Amino acid sequence: MQKRLLFFCGIFFFFIQEIISIDSNFKKFIELIQSKNSFLGNNENLFQNKQIQVPKNCQFRLQKKIETANYFYLDCGDRQYRNFLYFGQYENQGEIISFQFTKNEKIGTREYSIVTKLQIQKNPEKQISKNSNLYSFIQGVIKKDSLLLENLKNQYIYFDKDCPLEFAYKDSDFHWEKIDMYNFRISCLEPENSFVVSLKMMKDRGEFIGKQLLKQGKLIHVRLKFDSISDLGIHWKNFETIP
C-alpha cells in the first residue's frame, strides 16, 4: 500500500514539475522576445525551432490578416504581448495551444517574432440560434446563398445571447469620411465559416457600443437592419443594443 502511494505521489509530482517547466520556459521566452536585442548571440538558439506551449491563462489571438500574413498577439489577461507573425493559411479553426518560434525579424519599422507549426485545438461545435431571421442569415452565409440573403433586405437581424457579435478590430483608414469601421465576428459561426459584420460609426463617439466599452473579444447583443449587399459586403442600418 505504501509503495503504491509513493508511486502515485511520484507521478503527481512529475506532472507538477512538467507544468512548472512549461510555464517557466514560456515566461523565459516572453522575457526574451520583449527585451531589446534579446536574440543577439546564443540567446536565439534557446527556443529556436522548439514547440512553445501556451499556458492555460493565455490565448493566442489573431489581430489582423493580410493575404497569407497573419498577425497575432498573446493575451494573458492583464498583460498582452504583440508582434507575432505567422506566414501561411490560417482560418481560425480553434484555440492555438502551442507554436514554434523560428526567429526575430525586422519588417519595416517593427520587429516581429516569426512563428510556425501552430498546434490547434478545434473548438467544440456551437448551436446556432433559432430566431428566424438570424437563422436565415446564418444559413445564407454558410451556403453563400445570395438569394436567401437578398430576401432579408430591410429585415431586422437579432444577434442575441445565443449568437452575440464578438468585437474583432477597428479600422480607422476612412479619415476622409470622419468615420471608423468596427468589425465583429459572428460568435456562433464555425471558424471555417468566419464572417465579419462591419459597422460604420462616427469617430467622435469613442470606442463605445451603447454604454459598453469595446475591447477585443467583447461580446455584444445588437439588433441590426439588413440594408443591402454590394461587392464590398453587407450594409447595415438602424443599429441598437439589446439586453
C-alpha atoms as a PDB file:
ATOM      1  CA  MET A   1       0.000   0.000   0.000  1.00  0.00           C
ATOM      2  CA  GLN A   2       2.809   2.383   0.940  1.00  0.00           C
ATOM      3  CA  LYS A   3       4.698   1.594  -2.286  1.00  0.00           C
ATOM      4  CA  ARG A   4       1.566   2.268  -4.334  1.00  0.00           C
ATOM      5  CA  LEU A   5       1.039   5.601  -2.548  1.00  0.00           C
ATOM      6  CA  LEU A   6       4.653   6.581  -3.184  1.00  0.00           C
ATOM      7  CA  PHE A   7       4.232   5.601  -6.849  1.00  0.00           C
ATOM      8  CA  PHE A   8       1.159   7.825  -7.334  1.00  0.00           C
ATOM      9  CA  CYS A   9       2.802  10.668  -5.415  1.00  0.00           C
ATOM     10  CA  GLY A  10       5.789  10.345  -7.743  1.00  0.00           C
ATOM     11  CA  ILE A  11       3.549  10.604 -10.804  1.00  0.00           C
ATOM     12  CA  PHE A  12       1.735  13.605  -9.298  1.00  0.00           C
ATOM     13  CA  PHE A  13       4.980  15.482  -8.609  1.00  0.00           C
ATOM     14  CA  PHE A  14       6.257  14.577 -12.088  1.00  0.00           C
ATOM     15  CA  PHE A  15       3.248  16.259 -13.702  1.00  0.00           C
ATOM     16  CA  ILE A  16       3.543  19.253 -11.375  1.00  0.00           C
ATOM     17  CA  GLN A  17       7.188  19.645 -12.406  1.00  0.00           C
ATOM     18  CA  GLU A  18       6.200  19.364 -16.054  1.00  0.00           C
ATOM     19  CA  ILE A  19       3.612  22.155 -15.658  1.00  0.00           C
ATOM     20  CA  ILE A  20       6.088  24.357 -13.802  1.00  0.00           C
ATOM     21  CA  SER A  21       8.683  23.650 -16.506  1.00  0.00           C
ATOM     22  CA  ILE A  22       6.256  24.617 -19.289  1.00  0.00           C
ATOM     23  CA  ASP A  23       5.267  27.871 -17.553  1.00  0.00           C
ATOM     24  CA  SER A  24       8.887  28.635 -16.685  1.00  0.00           C
ATOM     25  CA  ASN A  25      10.059  28.093 -20.270  1.00  0.00           C
ATOM     26  CA  PHE A  26       7.183  30.182 -21.579  1.00  0.00           C
ATOM     27  CA  LYS A  27       7.996  33.011 -19.167  1.00  0.00           C
ATOM     28  CA  LYS A  28      11.656  32.961 -20.229  1.00  0.00           C
ATOM     29  CA  PHE A  29      10.602  33.004 -23.876  1.00  0.00           C
ATOM     30  CA  ILE A  30       8.326  36.019 -23.338  1.00  0.00           C
ATOM     31  CA  GLU A  31      11.022  37.881 -21.408  1.00  0.00           C
ATOM     32  CA  LEU A  32      13.484  37.303 -24.243  1.00  0.00           C
ATOM     33  CA  ILE A  33      11.221  38.399 -27.093  1.00  0.00           C
ATOM     34  CA  GLN A  34      10.114  41.519 -25.204  1.00  0.00           C
ATOM     35  CA  SER A  35      13.616  42.692 -24.325  1.00  0.00           C
ATOM     36  CA  LYS A  36      15.715  44.771 -26.718  1.00  0.00           C
ATOM     37  CA  ASN A  37      18.487  42.942 -28.565  1.00  0.00           C
ATOM     38  CA  SER A  38      17.148  39.769 -26.967  1.00  0.00           C
ATOM     39  CA  PHE A  39      18.284  37.391 -29.674  1.00  0.00           C
ATOM     40  CA  LEU A  40      21.843  38.550 -30.051  1.00  0.00           C
ATOM     41  CA  GLY A  41      24.451  35.845 -29.636  1.00  0.00           C
ATOM     42  CA  ASN A  42      23.341  32.413 -28.424  1.00  0.00           C
ATOM     43  CA  ASN A  43      20.015  33.585 -26.947  1.00  0.00           C
ATOM     44  CA  GLU A  44      18.258  32.973 -30.253  1.00  0.00           C
ATOM     45  CA  ASN A  45      19.064  29.258 -30.021  1.00  0.00           C
ATOM     46  CA  LEU A  46      17.361  28.804 -26.642  1.00  0.00           C
ATOM     47  CA  PHE A  47      13.870  28.479 -28.136  1.00  0.00           C
ATOM     48  CA  GLN A  48      14.541  28.344 -31.865  1.00  0.00           C
ATOM     49  CA  ASN A  49      12.569  25.588 -33.634  1.00  0.00           C
ATOM     50  CA  LYS A  50      11.156  24.303 -30.337  1.00  0.00           C
ATOM     51  CA  GLN A  51       7.437  23.905 -29.709  1.00  0.00           C
ATOM     52  CA  ILE A  52       6.314  26.551 -27.179  1.00  0.00           C
ATOM     53  CA  GLN A  53       3.271  25.609 -25.069  1.00  0.00           C
ATOM     54  CA  VAL A  54       0.737  28.390 -24.479  1.00  0.00           C
ATOM     55  CA  PRO A  55      -0.281  28.449 -20.780  1.00  0.00           C
ATOM     56  CA  LYS A  56      -3.939  27.944 -19.866  1.00  0.00           C
ATOM     57  CA  ASN A  57      -4.296  31.559 -18.731  1.00  0.00           C
ATOM     58  CA  CYS A  58      -3.186  32.934 -22.123  1.00  0.00           C
ATOM     59  CA  GLN A  59      -4.708  32.931 -25.603  1.00  0.00           C
ATOM     60  CA  PHE A  60      -3.061  33.427 -28.970  1.00  0.00           C
ATOM     61  CA  ARG A  61      -5.416  35.815 -30.815  1.00  0.00           C
ATOM     62  CA  LEU A  62      -5.494  36.906 -34.446  1.00  0.00           C
ATOM     63  CA  GLN A  63      -5.098  40.678 -34.704  1.00  0.00           C
ATOM     64  CA  LYS A  64      -5.257  41.075 -38.471  1.00  0.00           C
ATOM     65  CA  LYS A  65      -4.697  39.127 -41.658  1.00  0.00           C
ATOM     66  CA  ILE A  66      -3.162  40.331 -44.927  1.00  0.00           C
ATOM     67  CA  GLU A  67      -3.283  37.532 -47.509  1.00  0.00           C
ATOM     68  CA  THR A  68      -1.021  34.817 -46.005  1.00  0.00           C
ATOM     69  CA  ALA A  69       0.500  37.091 -43.338  1.00  0.00           C
ATOM     70  CA  ASN A  70      -1.267  36.522 -40.005  1.00  0.00           C
ATOM     71  CA  TYR A  71      -0.536  38.997 -37.201  1.00  0.00           C
ATOM     72  CA  PHE A  72      -1.111  37.637 -33.686  1.00  0.00           C
ATOM     73  CA  TYR A  73      -0.929  38.922 -30.165  1.00  0.00           C
ATOM     74  CA  LEU A  74      -0.767  36.926 -26.955  1.00  0.00           C
ATOM     75  CA  ASP A  75      -3.495  37.797 -24.476  1.00  0.00           C
ATOM     76  CA  CYS A  76      -2.634  36.837 -20.892  1.00  0.00           C
ATOM     77  CA  GLY A  77      -5.388  38.811 -19.167  1.00  0.00           C
ATOM     78  CA  ASP A  78      -3.608  41.731 -17.532  1.00  0.00           C
ATOM     79  CA  ARG A  79      -0.687  41.528 -19.986  1.00  0.00           C
ATOM     80  CA  GLN A  80      -0.610  41.462 -23.781  1.00  0.00           C
ATOM     81  CA  TYR A  81       2.370  40.621 -25.978  1.00  0.00           C
ATOM     82  CA  ARG A  82       2.235  41.752 -29.593  1.00  0.00           C
ATOM     83  CA  ASN A  83       4.071  41.400 -32.897  1.00  0.00           C
ATOM     84  CA  PHE A  84       3.853  37.662 -33.557  1.00  0.00           C
ATOM     85  CA  LEU A  85       3.757  36.834 -37.258  1.00  0.00           C
ATOM     86  CA  TYR A  86       2.755  33.598 -38.980  1.00  0.00           C
ATOM     87  CA  PHE A  87       3.021  33.106 -42.746  1.00  0.00           C
ATOM     88  CA  GLY A  88       0.626  30.567 -44.222  1.00  0.00           C
ATOM     89  CA  GLN A  89      -3.019  29.621 -44.490  1.00  0.00           C
ATOM     90  CA  TYR A  90      -4.851  30.206 -41.223  1.00  0.00           C
ATOM     91  CA  GLU A  91      -8.619  30.011 -40.891  1.00  0.00           C
ATOM     92  CA  ASN A  92      -9.006  30.442 -37.117  1.00  0.00           C
ATOM     93  CA  GLN A  93     -10.123  26.812 -36.700  1.00  0.00           C
ATOM     94  CA  GLY A  94      -9.774  26.800 -32.923  1.00  0.00           C
ATOM     95  CA  GLU A  95      -7.529  27.614 -29.990  1.00  0.00           C
ATOM     96  CA  ILE A  96      -3.769  27.719 -30.619  1.00  0.00           C
ATOM     97  CA  ILE A  97      -2.201  25.671 -27.799  1.00  0.00           C
ATOM     98  CA  SER A  98       1.410  25.725 -28.999  1.00  0.00           C
ATOM     99  CA  PHE A  99       3.626  27.189 -31.697  1.00  0.00           C
ATOM    100  CA  GLN A 100       7.201  27.008 -32.899  1.00  0.00           C
ATOM    101  CA  PHE A 101       9.471  30.051 -32.798  1.00  0.00           C
ATOM    102  CA  THR A 102      11.878  30.464 -35.708  1.00  0.00           C
ATOM    103  CA  LYS A 103      13.472  33.908 -35.412  1.00  0.00           C
ATOM    104  CA  ASN A 104      13.004  37.609 -34.752  1.00  0.00           C
ATOM    105  CA  GLU A 105      12.897  39.660 -37.924  1.00  0.00           C
ATOM    106  CA  LYS A 106      12.620  43.391 -38.551  1.00  0.00           C
ATOM    107  CA  ILE A 107       9.924  44.205 -41.104  1.00  0.00           C
ATOM    108  CA  GLY A 108       9.569  47.898 -41.840  1.00  0.00           C
ATOM    109  CA  THR A 109       9.966  49.730 -38.545  1.00  0.00           C
ATOM    110  CA  ARG A 110       8.866  46.841 -36.303  1.00  0.00           C
ATOM    111  CA  GLU A 111      10.486  43.672 -35.102  1.00  0.00           C
ATOM    112  CA  TYR A 112       8.326  40.557 -35.293  1.00  0.00           C
ATOM    113  CA  SER A 113       8.664  37.137 -33.727  1.00  0.00           C
ATOM    114  CA  ILE A 114       8.163  34.721 -36.618  1.00  0.00           C
ATOM    115  CA  VAL A 115       6.253  31.595 -35.598  1.00  0.00           C
ATOM    116  CA  THR A 116       5.299  28.417 -37.412  1.00  0.00           C
ATOM    117  CA  LYS A 117       3.809  24.943 -36.789  1.00  0.00           C
ATOM    118  CA  LEU A 118       0.730  26.150 -34.940  1.00  0.00           C
ATOM    119  CA  GLN A 119      -0.893  23.364 -32.936  1.00  0.00           C
ATOM    120  CA  ILE A 120      -4.632  23.997 -32.903  1.00  0.00           C
ATOM    121  CA  GLN A 121      -7.266  22.526 -30.634  1.00  0.00           C
ATOM    122  CA  LYS A 122     -10.534  22.645 -32.543  1.00  0.00           C
ATOM    123  CA  ASN A 123     -13.454  24.465 -30.967  1.00  0.00           C
ATOM    124  CA  PRO A 124     -16.493  22.398 -30.000  1.00  0.00           C
ATOM    125  CA  GLU A 125     -19.456  22.852 -32.290  1.00  0.00           C
ATOM    126  CA  LYS A 126     -21.755  25.681 -31.269  1.00  0.00           C
ATOM    127  CA  GLN A 127     -25.507  25.580 -31.668  1.00  0.00           C
ATOM    128  CA  ILE A 128     -26.833  28.258 -33.977  1.00  0.00           C
ATOM    129  CA  SER A 129     -29.638  30.421 -32.636  1.00  0.00           C
ATOM    130  CA  LYS A 130     -33.074  29.588 -33.984  1.00  0.00           C
ATOM    131  CA  ASN A 131     -34.529  33.104 -34.070  1.00  0.00           C
ATOM    132  CA  SER A 132     -35.834  33.090 -37.625  1.00  0.00           C
ATOM    133  CA  ASN A 133     -34.087  35.993 -39.376  1.00  0.00           C
ATOM    134  CA  LEU A 134     -30.743  35.266 -37.729  1.00  0.00           C
ATOM    135  CA  TYR A 135     -31.050  31.597 -38.633  1.00  0.00           C
ATOM    136  CA  SER A 136     -31.792  32.506 -42.280  1.00  0.00           C
ATOM    137  CA  PHE A 137     -28.877  34.925 -42.294  1.00  0.00           C
ATOM    138  CA  ILE A 138     -26.504  32.298 -40.869  1.00  0.00           C
ATOM    139  CA  GLN A 139     -27.657  29.754 -43.454  1.00  0.00           C
ATOM    140  CA  GLY A 140     -27.168  32.316 -46.231  1.00  0.00           C
ATOM    141  CA  VAL A 141     -23.608  32.988 -45.061  1.00  0.00           C
ATOM    142  CA  ILE A 142     -22.713  29.306 -44.659  1.00  0.00           C
ATOM    143  CA  LYS A 143     -24.185  28.288 -48.027  1.00  0.00           C
ATOM    144  CA  LYS A 144     -23.092  31.536 -49.738  1.00  0.00           C
ATOM    145  CA  ASP A 145     -26.713  31.808 -50.897  1.00  0.00           C
ATOM    146  CA  SER A 146     -27.097  35.370 -52.229  1.00  0.00           C
ATOM    147  CA  LEU A 147     -30.825  34.853 -52.947  1.00  0.00           C
ATOM    148  CA  LEU A 148     -31.501  33.874 -49.337  1.00  0.00           C
ATOM    149  CA  LEU A 149     -29.557  36.932 -48.159  1.00  0.00           C
ATOM    150  CA  GLU A 150     -31.366  39.205 -50.630  1.00  0.00           C
ATOM    151  CA  ASN A 151     -34.695  38.087 -49.137  1.00  0.00           C
ATOM    152  CA  LEU A 152     -33.577  39.505 -45.783  1.00  0.00           C
ATOM    153  CA  LYS A 153     -33.360  43.080 -47.082  1.00  0.00           C
ATOM    154  CA  ASN A 154     -34.970  45.592 -44.707  1.00  0.00           C
ATOM    155  CA  GLN A 155     -35.397  42.840 -42.092  1.00  0.00           C
ATOM    156  CA  TYR A 156     -34.060  43.099 -38.538  1.00  0.00           C
ATOM    157  CA  ILE A 157     -31.383  40.599 -37.506  1.00  0.00           C
ATOM    158  CA  TYR A 158     -31.092  39.974 -33.752  1.00  0.00           C
ATOM    159  CA  PHE A 159     -27.634  38.923 -32.576  1.00  0.00           C
ATOM    160  CA  ASP A 160     -28.863  37.790 -29.169  1.00  0.00           C
ATOM    161  CA  LYS A 161     -27.424  35.841 -26.218  1.00  0.00           C
ATOM    162  CA  ASP A 162     -27.358  32.652 -28.333  1.00  0.00           C
ATOM    163  CA  CYS A 163     -25.281  34.307 -31.031  1.00  0.00           C
ATOM    164  CA  PRO A 164     -23.711  37.645 -29.970  1.00  0.00           C
ATOM    165  CA  LEU A 165     -21.251  39.603 -32.063  1.00  0.00           C
ATOM    166  CA  GLU A 166     -17.607  39.461 -30.950  1.00  0.00           C
ATOM    167  CA  PHE A 167     -15.580  42.645 -31.406  1.00  0.00           C
ATOM    168  CA  ALA A 168     -12.522  41.899 -33.572  1.00  0.00           C
ATOM    169  CA  TYR A 169     -10.820  45.149 -34.611  1.00  0.00           C
ATOM    170  CA  LYS A 170     -11.303  48.788 -35.590  1.00  0.00           C
ATOM    171  CA  ASP A 171     -10.348  50.164 -38.997  1.00  0.00           C
ATOM    172  CA  SER A 172      -9.563  53.885 -38.956  1.00  0.00           C
ATOM    173  CA  ASP A 173      -8.493  54.226 -42.591  1.00  0.00           C
ATOM    174  CA  PHE A 174     -11.639  56.125 -43.568  1.00  0.00           C
ATOM    175  CA  HIS A 175     -10.412  59.534 -42.351  1.00  0.00           C
ATOM    176  CA  TRP A 176     -11.930  61.294 -45.358  1.00  0.00           C
ATOM    177  CA  GLU A 177     -15.398  60.206 -44.181  1.00  0.00           C
ATOM    178  CA  LYS A 178     -14.771  61.028 -40.489  1.00  0.00           C
ATOM    179  CA  ILE A 179     -15.813  57.521 -39.528  1.00  0.00           C
ATOM    180  CA  ASP A 180     -14.303  54.393 -38.038  1.00  0.00           C
ATOM    181  CA  MET A 181     -15.245  50.906 -39.191  1.00  0.00           C
ATOM    182  CA  TYR A 182     -15.897  48.496 -36.310  1.00  0.00           C
ATOM    183  CA  ASN A 183     -15.587  44.858 -37.292  1.00  0.00           C
ATOM    184  CA  PHE A 184     -17.246  41.975 -35.470  1.00  0.00           C
ATOM    185  CA  ARG A 185     -17.210  38.206 -35.816  1.00  0.00           C
ATOM    186  CA  ILE A 186     -20.423  36.194 -35.543  1.00  0.00           C
ATOM    187  CA  SER A 187     -19.668  34.129 -32.461  1.00  0.00           C
ATOM    188  CA  CYS A 188     -21.961  31.177 -33.242  1.00  0.00           C
ATOM    189  CA  LEU A 189     -20.421  30.539 -36.664  1.00  0.00           C
ATOM    190  CA  GLU A 190     -17.834  27.811 -37.002  1.00  0.00           C
ATOM    191  CA  PRO A 191     -14.354  29.272 -37.708  1.00  0.00           C
ATOM    192  CA  GLU A 192     -14.283  27.869 -41.254  1.00  0.00           C
ATOM    193  CA  ASN A 193     -17.421  29.926 -41.982  1.00  0.00           C
ATOM    194  CA  SER A 194     -15.952  33.053 -40.436  1.00  0.00           C
ATOM    195  CA  PHE A 195     -17.873  36.161 -41.451  1.00  0.00           C
ATOM    196  CA  VAL A 196     -17.237  39.731 -40.390  1.00  0.00           C
ATOM    197  CA  VAL A 197     -20.009  42.231 -39.634  1.00  0.00           C
ATOM    198  CA  SER A 198     -18.710  45.770 -40.260  1.00  0.00           C
ATOM    199  CA  LEU A 199     -20.432  48.795 -38.729  1.00  0.00           C
ATOM    200  CA  LYS A 200     -19.656  52.430 -39.519  1.00  0.00           C
ATOM    201  CA  MET A 201     -19.511  54.805 -36.551  1.00  0.00           C
ATOM    202  CA  MET A 202     -18.552  58.450 -36.221  1.00  0.00           C
ATOM    203  CA  LYS A 203     -15.013  58.995 -34.917  1.00  0.00           C
ATOM    204  CA  ASP A 204     -16.141  61.299 -32.085  1.00  0.00           C
ATOM    205  CA  ARG A 205     -18.226  58.622 -30.339  1.00  0.00           C
ATOM    206  CA  GLY A 206     -15.169  56.776 -28.945  1.00  0.00           C
ATOM    207  CA  GLU A 207     -14.925  53.009 -28.648  1.00  0.00           C
ATOM    208  CA  PHE A 208     -18.351  52.504 -27.117  1.00  0.00           C
ATOM    209  CA  ILE A 209     -21.378  50.454 -28.091  1.00  0.00           C
ATOM    210  CA  GLY A 210     -24.210  51.942 -26.089  1.00  0.00           C
ATOM    211  CA  LYS A 211     -22.596  52.208 -22.643  1.00  0.00           C
ATOM    212  CA  GLN A 212     -20.217  49.294 -23.225  1.00  0.00           C
ATOM    213  CA  LEU A 213     -16.517  49.969 -23.769  1.00  0.00           C
ATOM    214  CA  LEU A 214     -15.289  47.885 -26.693  1.00  0.00           C
ATOM    215  CA  LYS A 215     -12.295  45.646 -26.197  1.00  0.00           C
ATOM    216  CA  GLN A 216     -11.064  42.868 -28.445  1.00  0.00           C
ATOM    217  CA  GLY A 217     -13.151  39.764 -27.798  1.00  0.00           C
ATOM    218  CA  LYS A 218     -16.024  41.737 -26.216  1.00  0.00           C
ATOM    219  CA  LEU A 219     -19.417  40.098 -26.863  1.00  0.00           C
ATOM    220  CA  ILE A 220     -22.383  42.376 -27.584  1.00  0.00           C
ATOM    221  CA  HIS A 221     -26.086  41.799 -28.214  1.00  0.00           C
ATOM    222  CA  VAL A 222     -27.422  44.003 -31.010  1.00  0.00           C
ATOM    223  CA  ARG A 223     -30.297  44.468 -33.424  1.00  0.00           C
ATOM    224  CA  LEU A 224     -29.336  45.439 -36.976  1.00  0.00           C
ATOM    225  CA  LYS A 225     -31.428  46.167 -40.034  1.00  0.00           C
ATOM    226  CA  PHE A 226     -30.222  44.370 -43.135  1.00  0.00           C
ATOM    227  CA  ASP A 227     -29.857  47.143 -45.725  1.00  0.00           C
ATOM    228  CA  SER A 228     -28.192  45.892 -48.902  1.00  0.00           C
ATOM    229  CA  ILE A 229     -25.460  43.748 -50.454  1.00  0.00           C
ATOM    230  CA  SER A 230     -22.642  45.033 -52.655  1.00  0.00           C
ATOM    231  CA  ASP A 231     -19.210  43.896 -53.800  1.00  0.00           C
ATOM    232  CA  LEU A 232     -17.884  45.441 -50.569  1.00  0.00           C
ATOM    233  CA  GLY A 233     -20.101  43.257 -48.390  1.00  0.00           C
ATOM    234  CA  ILE A 234     -23.360  43.556 -46.479  1.00  0.00           C
ATOM    235  CA  HIS A 235     -24.521  47.014 -45.397  1.00  0.00           C
ATOM    236  CA  TRP A 236     -26.447  47.602 -42.183  1.00  0.00           C
ATOM    237  CA  LYS A 237     -28.502  50.389 -40.640  1.00  0.00           C
ATOM    238  CA  ASN A 238     -30.661  51.117 -37.550  1.00  0.00           C
ATOM    239  CA  PHE A 239     -28.092  49.759 -35.135  1.00  0.00           C
ATOM    240  CA  GLU A 240     -29.132  49.369 -31.479  1.00  0.00           C
ATOM    241  CA  THR A 241     -28.089  47.293 -28.484  1.00  0.00           C
ATOM    242  CA  ILE A 242     -30.476  44.763 -26.905  1.00  0.00           C
ATOM    243  CA  PRO A 243     -30.428  43.052 -23.472  1.00  0.00           C
END
